[in-house]
Amino acid sequence: MALRHIRIYGDEILTKACRPVQMMTPRTKILIRDMLDTMYDANGVGLAAPQVGILKQIVVIDIGEEGDGNGNTDADGNSSSPLVLVNPEILETSGEQTGQEGCLSLPGQAGMVTRPNYVKVKAFDENMHERIIEGTELLARAICHECDHLKGIMYVEKVEGDLFEVTDEPEDGGTDGK
């Protein structure tokens, strides 16, 4: 697989809405594998296609454990990590959580963001099989963060207060590195 160049905050492509994926092609499957490799190489927990310069509705997420730590799985009982979400649509949210959030497109910076504590999303996997995923806490935060990227929205638009510098490893288990 190949590592892709991660676009940095200020790049115009990060402000554009993405197009739905109409069909899965070998080229799109390569993109998904490259996105996972790029995310892992950058120590992230999520990556959206526009972050690597592709305006398609594709998100990859891996919160770093089998499932999300809360027993959340898809409707077929599959674990939540890693996730490939093609054409994701958030169906339901509830609750609220406020926590540290970062982004691979804004390295070394983080801010406090309030997100839903629960999210239910419908998406296709890399084989274009429809899935319903439910997640809480970090998984819910990651899904919302990455789906925002597909609409051209960066987390900095939702930061409460100022951005601050962070090290590679968040001390409080925050989500630095999306």
N, C-alpha and C. Protein backbone atom coordinates (compact mmCIF):
# COMPACT_ATOMS: atom_id res chain seq x y z
N MET A 1 0.83 -1.18 0.00
CA MET A 1 0.00 0.00 0.00
C MET A 1 0.88 1.25 0.00
N ALA A 2 0.24 2.34 -0.31
CA ALA A 2 0.96 3.61 -0.37
C ALA A 2 0.44 4.56 0.70
N LEU A 3 1.34 5.34 1.22
CA LEU A 3 0.93 6.40 2.13
C LEU A 3 0.53 7.61 1.31
N ARG A 4 -0.56 8.24 1.69
CA ARG A 4 -1.07 9.42 1.00
C ARG A 4 -0.64 10.67 1.76
N HIS A 5 -0.54 11.76 1.04
CA HIS A 5 -0.21 13.06 1.63
C HIS A 5 -1.45 13.60 2.35
N ILE A 6 -1.33 13.92 3.62
CA ILE A 6 -2.44 14.47 4.38
C ILE A 6 -2.49 15.98 4.16
N ARG A 7 -3.63 16.45 3.71
CA ARG A 7 -3.83 17.88 3.47
C ARG A 7 -3.93 18.61 4.81
N ILE A 8 -3.34 19.78 4.86
CA ILE A 8 -3.25 20.56 6.10
C ILE A 8 -4.27 21.69 6.09
N TYR A 9 -4.77 22.02 7.27
CA TYR A 9 -5.72 23.11 7.47
C TYR A 9 -5.30 24.33 6.67
N GLY A 10 -6.23 24.88 5.92
CA GLY A 10 -5.95 25.98 5.01
C GLY A 10 -6.02 25.53 3.56
N ASP A 11 -5.87 24.22 3.32
CA ASP A 11 -6.01 23.67 1.98
C ASP A 11 -7.49 23.75 1.60
N GLU A 12 -7.78 24.35 0.47
CA GLU A 12 -9.16 24.57 0.04
C GLU A 12 -9.97 23.29 -0.06
N ILE A 13 -9.35 22.17 -0.37
CA ILE A 13 -10.11 20.93 -0.53
C ILE A 13 -10.81 20.51 0.77
N LEU A 14 -10.26 20.93 1.91
CA LEU A 14 -10.86 20.57 3.20
C LEU A 14 -12.16 21.32 3.47
N THR A 15 -12.50 22.30 2.65
CA THR A 15 -13.73 23.07 2.83
C THR A 15 -14.83 22.65 1.85
N LYS A 16 -14.56 21.66 1.04
CA LYS A 16 -15.51 21.24 0.01
C LYS A 16 -16.31 20.01 0.45
N ALA A 17 -17.57 19.97 0.00
CA ALA A 17 -18.42 18.80 0.26
C ALA A 17 -18.02 17.67 -0.69
N CYS A 18 -18.13 16.46 -0.20
CA CYS A 18 -17.73 15.27 -0.97
C CYS A 18 -18.91 14.66 -1.72
N ARG A 19 -18.59 13.96 -2.79
CA ARG A 19 -19.58 13.26 -3.60
C ARG A 19 -19.76 11.83 -3.06
N PRO A 20 -21.00 11.31 -3.17
CA PRO A 20 -21.21 9.91 -2.77
C PRO A 20 -20.46 8.97 -3.72
N VAL A 21 -20.10 7.82 -3.18
CA VAL A 21 -19.49 6.76 -3.99
C VAL A 21 -20.64 6.00 -4.65
N GLN A 22 -20.62 5.92 -5.97
CA GLN A 22 -21.69 5.26 -6.71
C GLN A 22 -21.50 3.75 -6.78
N MET A 23 -20.23 3.33 -6.94
CA MET A 23 -19.92 1.90 -6.99
C MET A 23 -18.49 1.69 -6.51
N MET A 24 -18.25 0.52 -5.97
CA MET A 24 -16.92 0.19 -5.47
C MET A 24 -16.08 -0.31 -6.64
N THR A 25 -14.97 0.33 -6.85
CA THR A 25 -14.05 -0.06 -7.93
C THR A 25 -12.74 -0.52 -7.30
N PRO A 26 -11.91 -1.22 -8.05
CA PRO A 26 -10.60 -1.59 -7.52
C PRO A 26 -9.80 -0.36 -7.08
N ARG A 27 -9.92 0.72 -7.81
CA ARG A 27 -9.21 1.95 -7.45
C ARG A 27 -9.70 2.52 -6.11
N THR A 28 -11.01 2.44 -5.87
CA THR A 28 -11.56 2.92 -4.60
C THR A 28 -11.13 2.02 -3.45
N LYS A 29 -11.05 0.71 -3.69
CA LYS A 29 -10.56 -0.20 -2.64
C LYS A 29 -9.10 0.10 -2.29
N ILE A 30 -8.30 0.43 -3.29
CA ILE A 30 -6.90 0.82 -3.03
C ILE A 30 -6.87 2.09 -2.21
N LEU A 31 -7.72 3.06 -2.55
CA LEU A 31 -7.80 4.30 -1.77
C LEU A 31 -8.10 3.99 -0.31
N ILE A 32 -9.06 3.12 -0.05
CA ILE A 32 -9.43 2.77 1.33
C ILE A 32 -8.24 2.15 2.06
N ARG A 33 -7.54 1.22 1.42
CA ARG A 33 -6.37 0.59 2.07
C ARG A 33 -5.28 1.64 2.33
N ASP A 34 -5.07 2.53 1.35
CA ASP A 34 -4.09 3.60 1.53
C ASP A 34 -4.49 4.54 2.67
N MET A 35 -5.78 4.83 2.78
CA MET A 35 -6.25 5.70 3.87
C MET A 35 -5.99 5.05 5.23
N LEU A 36 -6.27 3.76 5.34
CA LEU A 36 -5.98 3.07 6.61
C LEU A 36 -4.49 3.12 6.92
N ASP A 37 -3.65 2.81 5.93
CA ASP A 37 -2.20 2.85 6.15
C ASP A 37 -1.73 4.25 6.53
N THR A 38 -2.28 5.26 5.88
CA THR A 38 -1.90 6.65 6.16
C THR A 38 -2.32 7.03 7.57
N MET A 39 -3.54 6.64 7.96
CA MET A 39 -4.04 6.95 9.30
C MET A 39 -3.16 6.28 10.36
N TYR A 40 -2.84 5.00 10.16
CA TYR A 40 -2.01 4.29 11.14
C TYR A 40 -0.61 4.89 11.20
N ASP A 41 -0.04 5.23 10.06
CA ASP A 41 1.30 5.81 10.02
C ASP A 41 1.35 7.14 10.77
N ALA A 42 0.25 7.90 10.73
CA ALA A 42 0.19 9.20 11.39
C ALA A 42 -0.34 9.10 12.82
N ASN A 43 -0.56 7.88 13.31
CA ASN A 43 -1.08 7.64 14.66
C ASN A 43 -2.42 8.30 14.89
N GLY A 44 -3.28 8.27 13.87
CA GLY A 44 -4.61 8.84 14.00
C GLY A 44 -5.63 7.78 14.35
N VAL A 45 -6.84 8.25 14.68
CA VAL A 45 -7.95 7.33 14.95
C VAL A 45 -9.00 7.42 13.86
N GLY A 46 -8.86 8.38 12.96
CA GLY A 46 -9.81 8.52 11.86
C GLY A 46 -9.21 9.33 10.74
N LEU A 47 -9.73 9.11 9.54
CA LEU A 47 -9.27 9.85 8.37
C LEU A 47 -10.40 9.84 7.35
N ALA A 48 -10.65 11.01 6.77
CA ALA A 48 -11.67 11.14 5.73
C ALA A 48 -10.98 11.39 4.40
N ALA A 49 -11.62 10.94 3.33
CA ALA A 49 -11.01 11.05 1.99
C ALA A 49 -10.56 12.45 1.62
N PRO A 50 -11.30 13.52 1.96
CA PRO A 50 -10.79 14.84 1.57
C PRO A 50 -9.45 15.19 2.24
N GLN A 51 -9.15 14.55 3.36
CA GLN A 51 -7.87 14.80 4.02
C GLN A 51 -6.69 14.28 3.21
N VAL A 52 -6.98 13.40 2.26
CA VAL A 52 -5.93 12.94 1.35
C VAL A 52 -6.22 13.41 -0.08
N GLY A 53 -7.04 14.45 -0.19
CA GLY A 53 -7.26 15.11 -1.46
C GLY A 53 -8.30 14.51 -2.37
N ILE A 54 -9.15 13.62 -1.84
CA ILE A 54 -10.15 12.94 -2.65
C ILE A 54 -11.54 13.34 -2.15
N LEU A 55 -12.36 13.91 -3.02
CA LEU A 55 -13.68 14.38 -2.62
C LEU A 55 -14.74 13.29 -2.78
N LYS A 56 -14.54 12.20 -2.06
CA LYS A 56 -15.50 11.09 -2.02
C LYS A 56 -15.92 10.88 -0.57
N GLN A 57 -17.14 10.39 -0.39
CA GLN A 57 -17.67 10.15 0.95
C GLN A 57 -17.15 8.82 1.49
N ILE A 58 -15.90 8.86 1.96
CA ILE A 58 -15.26 7.67 2.53
C ILE A 58 -14.55 8.09 3.81
N VAL A 59 -14.75 7.30 4.85
CA VAL A 59 -14.15 7.54 6.16
C VAL A 59 -13.58 6.22 6.65
N VAL A 60 -12.40 6.28 7.28
CA VAL A 60 -11.87 5.12 8.00
C VAL A 60 -11.65 5.53 9.45
N ILE A 61 -11.94 4.60 10.36
CA ILE A 61 -11.81 4.87 11.79
C ILE A 61 -11.28 3.62 12.47
N ASP A 62 -10.34 3.82 13.37
CA ASP A 62 -9.89 2.74 14.25
C ASP A 62 -9.55 3.37 15.59
N ILE A 63 -10.39 3.10 16.57
CA ILE A 63 -10.18 3.71 17.88
C ILE A 63 -9.20 2.92 18.73
N GLY A 64 -8.57 1.91 18.14
CA GLY A 64 -7.44 1.27 18.79
C GLY A 64 -7.73 0.12 19.71
N GLU A 65 -8.91 -0.44 19.64
CA GLU A 65 -9.22 -1.61 20.45
C GLU A 65 -10.27 -2.42 19.73
N GLU A 66 -10.45 -3.65 20.16
CA GLU A 66 -11.48 -4.52 19.57
C GLU A 66 -12.82 -3.97 20.02
N GLY A 67 -13.61 -3.50 19.08
CA GLY A 67 -14.83 -2.80 19.45
C GLY A 67 -14.44 -1.44 20.01
N ASP A 68 -15.37 -0.76 20.62
CA ASP A 68 -15.06 0.58 21.11
C ASP A 68 -14.93 0.63 22.63
N GLY A 69 -14.83 -0.53 23.26
CA GLY A 69 -14.70 -0.54 24.71
C GLY A 69 -16.05 -0.52 25.42
N ASN A 70 -17.10 -0.33 24.66
CA ASN A 70 -18.43 -0.30 25.24
C ASN A 70 -19.30 -1.42 24.69
N GLY A 71 -18.68 -2.36 24.00
CA GLY A 71 -19.44 -3.48 23.44
C GLY A 71 -20.22 -3.12 22.21
N ASN A 72 -19.95 -1.97 21.62
CA ASN A 72 -20.70 -1.55 20.44
C ASN A 72 -20.26 -2.31 19.21
N THR A 73 -21.25 -2.76 18.46
CA THR A 73 -21.02 -3.52 17.24
C THR A 73 -22.04 -3.09 16.20
N ASP A 74 -21.84 -3.57 14.99
CA ASP A 74 -22.85 -3.29 13.97
C ASP A 74 -24.01 -4.28 14.13
N ALA A 75 -25.01 -4.16 13.25
CA ALA A 75 -26.21 -5.00 13.35
C ALA A 75 -25.91 -6.49 13.19
N ASP A 76 -24.77 -6.81 12.57
CA ASP A 76 -24.38 -8.21 12.39
C ASP A 76 -23.50 -8.72 13.53
N GLY A 77 -23.23 -7.87 14.53
CA GLY A 77 -22.41 -8.28 15.66
C GLY A 77 -20.92 -8.15 15.42
N ASN A 78 -20.52 -7.46 14.35
CA ASN A 78 -19.09 -7.28 14.08
C ASN A 78 -18.53 -6.16 14.94
N SER A 79 -17.26 -6.28 15.31
CA SER A 79 -16.64 -5.27 16.15
C SER A 79 -16.52 -3.95 15.41
N SER A 80 -16.32 -2.89 16.15
CA SER A 80 -16.35 -1.55 15.61
C SER A 80 -15.03 -1.08 15.01
N SER A 81 -13.93 -1.79 15.20
CA SER A 81 -12.64 -1.29 14.73
C SER A 81 -11.92 -2.34 13.92
N PRO A 82 -11.26 -1.98 12.83
CA PRO A 82 -11.38 -0.70 12.14
C PRO A 82 -12.68 -0.63 11.34
N LEU A 83 -13.15 0.57 11.14
CA LEU A 83 -14.36 0.81 10.39
C LEU A 83 -14.05 1.45 9.06
N VAL A 84 -14.74 1.03 8.03
CA VAL A 84 -14.75 1.71 6.74
C VAL A 84 -16.19 2.13 6.52
N LEU A 85 -16.40 3.43 6.39
CA LEU A 85 -17.74 3.97 6.19
C LEU A 85 -17.79 4.67 4.84
N VAL A 86 -18.56 4.12 3.93
CA VAL A 86 -18.74 4.70 2.60
C VAL A 86 -20.15 5.30 2.57
N ASN A 87 -20.24 6.56 2.16
CA ASN A 87 -21.50 7.30 2.12
C ASN A 87 -22.21 7.28 3.48
N PRO A 88 -21.50 7.61 4.56
CA PRO A 88 -22.12 7.55 5.88
C PRO A 88 -23.22 8.59 6.05
N GLU A 89 -24.26 8.18 6.76
CA GLU A 89 -25.38 9.06 7.07
C GLU A 89 -25.71 8.87 8.55
N ILE A 90 -25.57 9.93 9.31
CA ILE A 90 -25.90 9.85 10.73
C ILE A 90 -27.42 9.84 10.87
N LEU A 91 -27.93 8.78 11.50
CA LEU A 91 -29.36 8.59 11.65
C LEU A 91 -29.89 9.13 12.97
N GLU A 92 -29.05 9.05 14.00
CA GLU A 92 -29.53 9.39 15.34
C GLU A 92 -28.34 9.76 16.21
N THR A 93 -28.56 10.75 17.08
CA THR A 93 -27.56 11.09 18.09
C THR A 93 -28.30 11.36 19.40
N SER A 94 -27.57 11.22 20.50
CA SER A 94 -28.13 11.61 21.79
C SER A 94 -27.00 11.85 22.77
N GLY A 95 -27.36 12.49 23.86
CA GLY A 95 -26.39 12.78 24.90
C GLY A 95 -25.38 13.83 24.45
N GLU A 96 -24.42 14.05 25.32
CA GLU A 96 -23.42 15.07 25.06
C GLU A 96 -22.13 14.73 25.78
N GLN A 97 -21.03 15.01 25.13
CA GLN A 97 -19.71 14.87 25.73
C GLN A 97 -18.85 16.03 25.26
N THR A 98 -18.03 16.53 26.14
CA THR A 98 -17.09 17.58 25.78
C THR A 98 -15.71 17.05 26.07
N GLY A 99 -14.81 17.16 25.08
CA GLY A 99 -13.47 16.63 25.28
C GLY A 99 -12.49 17.19 24.28
N GLN A 100 -11.25 16.85 24.51
CA GLN A 100 -10.16 17.28 23.64
C GLN A 100 -10.28 16.60 22.28
N GLU A 101 -10.13 17.38 21.24
CA GLU A 101 -10.21 16.84 19.89
C GLU A 101 -9.09 17.44 19.06
N GLY A 102 -8.51 16.62 18.22
CA GLY A 102 -7.47 17.07 17.31
C GLY A 102 -7.75 16.53 15.93
N CYS A 103 -6.84 16.79 15.00
CA CYS A 103 -7.06 16.40 13.62
C CYS A 103 -5.72 16.24 12.92
N LEU A 104 -5.60 15.19 12.11
CA LEU A 104 -4.36 14.98 11.36
C LEU A 104 -4.11 16.13 10.38
N SER A 105 -5.14 16.88 10.03
CA SER A 105 -4.98 18.02 9.13
C SER A 105 -4.61 19.30 9.87
N LEU A 106 -4.47 19.22 11.17
CA LEU A 106 -4.01 20.35 11.97
C LEU A 106 -3.09 19.79 13.06
N PRO A 107 -1.92 19.29 12.63
CA PRO A 107 -1.04 18.59 13.58
C PRO A 107 -0.55 19.49 14.71
N GLY A 108 -0.46 18.87 15.90
CA GLY A 108 0.08 19.56 17.06
C GLY A 108 -0.89 20.50 17.74
N GLN A 109 -2.13 20.56 17.28
CA GLN A 109 -3.13 21.45 17.86
C GLN A 109 -4.34 20.63 18.31
N ALA A 110 -5.04 21.12 19.31
CA ALA A 110 -6.27 20.50 19.78
C ALA A 110 -7.15 21.58 20.37
N GLY A 111 -8.39 21.21 20.61
CA GLY A 111 -9.33 22.11 21.24
C GLY A 111 -10.45 21.30 21.88
N MET A 112 -11.21 21.97 22.71
CA MET A 112 -12.33 21.32 23.38
C MET A 112 -13.57 21.44 22.48
N VAL A 113 -14.21 20.29 22.22
CA VAL A 113 -15.37 20.24 21.34
C VAL A 113 -16.46 19.41 22.02
N THR A 114 -17.69 19.89 21.91
CA THR A 114 -18.84 19.13 22.40
C THR A 114 -19.46 18.37 21.23
N ARG A 115 -19.64 17.08 21.44
CA ARG A 115 -20.21 16.18 20.44
C ARG A 115 -21.28 15.32 21.11
N PRO A 116 -22.09 14.63 20.33
CA PRO A 116 -23.02 13.66 20.92
C PRO A 116 -22.24 12.53 21.60
N ASN A 117 -22.81 11.97 22.65
CA ASN A 117 -22.18 10.83 23.31
C ASN A 117 -22.60 9.51 22.69
N TYR A 118 -23.66 9.54 21.89
CA TYR A 118 -24.15 8.34 21.20
C TYR A 118 -24.44 8.74 19.76
N VAL A 119 -24.08 7.86 18.84
CA VAL A 119 -24.39 8.09 17.43
C VAL A 119 -24.75 6.76 16.77
N LYS A 120 -25.72 6.84 15.87
CA LYS A 120 -26.11 5.70 15.04
C LYS A 120 -25.93 6.15 13.60
N VAL A 121 -25.15 5.40 12.83
CA VAL A 121 -24.83 5.79 11.46
C VAL A 121 -25.10 4.63 10.51
N LYS A 122 -25.62 4.98 9.33
CA LYS A 122 -25.82 4.00 8.26
C LYS A 122 -24.75 4.29 7.21
N ALA A 123 -24.09 3.25 6.76
CA ALA A 123 -23.04 3.41 5.75
C ALA A 123 -22.85 2.08 5.03
N PHE A 124 -22.09 2.14 3.96
CA PHE A 124 -21.68 0.93 3.26
C PHE A 124 -20.25 0.60 3.67
N ASP A 125 -19.90 -0.68 3.67
CA ASP A 125 -18.52 -1.08 3.92
C ASP A 125 -17.77 -1.12 2.60
N GLU A 126 -16.54 -1.62 2.62
CA GLU A 126 -15.71 -1.64 1.41
C GLU A 126 -16.23 -2.59 0.34
N ASN A 127 -17.22 -3.43 0.69
CA ASN A 127 -17.86 -4.31 -0.30
C ASN A 127 -19.25 -3.82 -0.68
N MET A 128 -19.56 -2.59 -0.28
CA MET A 128 -20.85 -1.94 -0.55
C MET A 128 -22.02 -2.70 0.08
N HIS A 129 -21.75 -3.33 1.23
CA HIS A 129 -22.81 -3.91 2.04
C HIS A 129 -23.23 -2.86 3.06
N GLU A 130 -24.52 -2.63 3.15
CA GLU A 130 -25.02 -1.63 4.09
C GLU A 130 -24.84 -2.11 5.53
N ARG A 131 -24.42 -1.19 6.38
CA ARG A 131 -24.22 -1.49 7.80
C ARG A 131 -24.85 -0.39 8.63
N ILE A 132 -25.29 -0.76 9.80
CA ILE A 132 -25.73 0.21 10.80
C ILE A 132 -24.75 0.07 11.96
N ILE A 133 -24.11 1.16 12.32
CA ILE A 133 -23.13 1.17 13.40
C ILE A 133 -23.66 2.07 14.51
N GLU A 134 -23.55 1.60 15.74
CA GLU A 134 -23.87 2.41 16.89
C GLU A 134 -22.61 2.54 17.73
N GLY A 135 -22.36 3.72 18.24
CA GLY A 135 -21.18 3.92 19.06
C GLY A 135 -21.40 4.99 20.10
N THR A 136 -20.62 4.90 21.15
CA THR A 136 -20.65 5.90 22.21
C THR A 136 -19.24 6.41 22.45
N GLU A 137 -19.16 7.48 23.20
CA GLU A 137 -17.90 8.05 23.65
C GLU A 137 -16.94 8.30 22.50
N LEU A 138 -15.74 7.71 22.52
CA LEU A 138 -14.73 7.99 21.52
C LEU A 138 -15.19 7.62 20.11
N LEU A 139 -15.87 6.48 19.96
CA LEU A 139 -16.35 6.10 18.64
C LEU A 139 -17.37 7.10 18.12
N ALA A 140 -18.29 7.55 18.96
CA ALA A 140 -19.27 8.55 18.55
C ALA A 140 -18.57 9.84 18.13
N ARG A 141 -17.59 10.26 18.90
CA ARG A 141 -16.83 11.48 18.59
C ARG A 141 -16.13 11.33 17.24
N ALA A 142 -15.48 10.19 17.03
CA ALA A 142 -14.73 9.98 15.78
C ALA A 142 -15.67 9.96 14.57
N ILE A 143 -16.80 9.29 14.69
CA ILE A 143 -17.75 9.24 13.58
C ILE A 143 -18.22 10.65 13.23
N CYS A 144 -18.62 11.42 14.23
CA CYS A 144 -19.10 12.78 13.97
C CYS A 144 -18.00 13.65 13.36
N HIS A 145 -16.78 13.56 13.91
CA HIS A 145 -15.65 14.35 13.40
C HIS A 145 -15.38 14.04 11.94
N GLU A 146 -15.30 12.76 11.61
CA GLU A 146 -14.97 12.37 10.24
C GLU A 146 -16.11 12.66 9.27
N CYS A 147 -17.37 12.48 9.70
CA CYS A 147 -18.50 12.83 8.84
C CYS A 147 -18.54 14.32 8.57
N ASP A 148 -18.14 15.14 9.53
CA ASP A 148 -18.04 16.59 9.30
C ASP A 148 -17.07 16.88 8.15
N HIS A 149 -15.94 16.17 8.11
CA HIS A 149 -14.97 16.38 7.03
C HIS A 149 -15.63 16.20 5.66
N LEU A 150 -16.56 15.27 5.55
CA LEU A 150 -17.21 14.99 4.27
C LEU A 150 -18.10 16.14 3.82
N LYS A 151 -18.45 17.03 4.76
CA LYS A 151 -19.26 18.21 4.45
C LYS A 151 -18.40 19.46 4.34
N GLY A 152 -17.09 19.30 4.46
CA GLY A 152 -16.20 20.45 4.39
C GLY A 152 -16.09 21.21 5.70
N ILE A 153 -16.43 20.53 6.81
CA ILE A 153 -16.39 21.17 8.13
C ILE A 153 -15.21 20.63 8.91
N MET A 154 -14.39 21.52 9.44
CA MET A 154 -13.27 21.12 10.30
C MET A 154 -13.66 21.37 11.76
N TYR A 155 -13.08 20.60 12.65
CA TYR A 155 -13.43 20.71 14.07
C TYR A 155 -13.15 22.09 14.63
N VAL A 156 -12.22 22.83 14.03
CA VAL A 156 -11.89 24.17 14.55
C VAL A 156 -13.11 25.09 14.52
N GLU A 157 -14.09 24.79 13.67
CA GLU A 157 -15.32 25.58 13.62
C GLU A 157 -16.20 25.31 14.83
N LYS A 158 -15.90 24.24 15.58
CA LYS A 158 -16.72 23.85 16.73
C LYS A 158 -15.97 23.98 18.06
N VAL A 159 -14.72 24.40 18.00
CA VAL A 159 -13.90 24.49 19.22
C VAL A 159 -14.48 25.53 20.16
N GLU A 160 -14.55 25.14 21.43
CA GLU A 160 -14.99 26.04 22.50
C GLU A 160 -13.74 26.61 23.14
N GLY A 161 -13.51 27.89 22.96
CA GLY A 161 -12.29 28.51 23.47
C GLY A 161 -11.22 28.48 22.40
N ASP A 162 -9.98 28.44 22.85
CA ASP A 162 -8.84 28.51 21.94
C ASP A 162 -8.26 27.13 21.66
N LEU A 163 -7.60 27.03 20.53
CA LEU A 163 -6.78 25.85 20.25
C LEU A 163 -5.56 25.89 21.15
N PHE A 164 -5.01 24.72 21.44
CA PHE A 164 -3.79 24.66 22.23
C PHE A 164 -2.86 23.61 21.65
N GLU A 165 -1.59 23.73 21.96
CA GLU A 165 -0.60 22.78 21.46
C GLU A 165 -0.68 21.50 22.26
N VAL A 166 -0.44 20.37 21.57
CA VAL A 166 -0.48 19.07 22.22
C VAL A 166 0.76 18.28 21.84
N THR A 167 1.06 17.28 22.65
CA THR A 167 2.12 16.34 22.33
C THR A 167 1.51 15.20 21.54
N ASP A 168 2.31 14.20 21.17
CA ASP A 168 1.81 13.07 20.39
C ASP A 168 0.79 12.24 21.14
N GLU A 169 0.91 12.14 22.44
CA GLU A 169 0.02 11.30 23.24
C GLU A 169 -0.81 12.18 24.17
N PRO A 170 -2.15 12.25 23.98
CA PRO A 170 -2.97 13.01 24.89
C PRO A 170 -2.96 12.39 26.29
N GLU A 171 -2.80 13.23 27.29
CA GLU A 171 -2.72 12.72 28.67
C GLU A 171 -4.06 12.24 29.20
N ASP A 172 -5.15 12.83 28.70
CA ASP A 172 -6.47 12.50 29.24
C ASP A 172 -7.25 11.51 28.40
N GLY A 173 -6.58 10.85 27.45
CA GLY A 173 -7.28 9.89 26.61
C GLY A 173 -8.14 10.57 25.55
N GLY A 174 -7.86 11.84 25.30
CA GLY A 174 -8.62 12.59 24.30
C GLY A 174 -8.39 12.04 22.91
N THR A 175 -8.94 12.70 21.94
CA THR A 175 -8.93 12.18 20.57
C THR A 175 -7.95 12.91 19.68
N ASP A 176 -6.86 13.41 20.23
CA ASP A 176 -5.85 14.05 19.40
C ASP A 176 -5.42 13.08 18.30
N GLY A 177 -5.36 13.56 17.09
CA GLY A 177 -4.87 12.73 16.00
C GLY A 177 -5.93 12.26 15.06
N LYS A 178 -7.07 12.90 15.01
CA LYS A 178 -8.09 12.51 14.03
C LYS A 178 -7.72 13.01 12.69
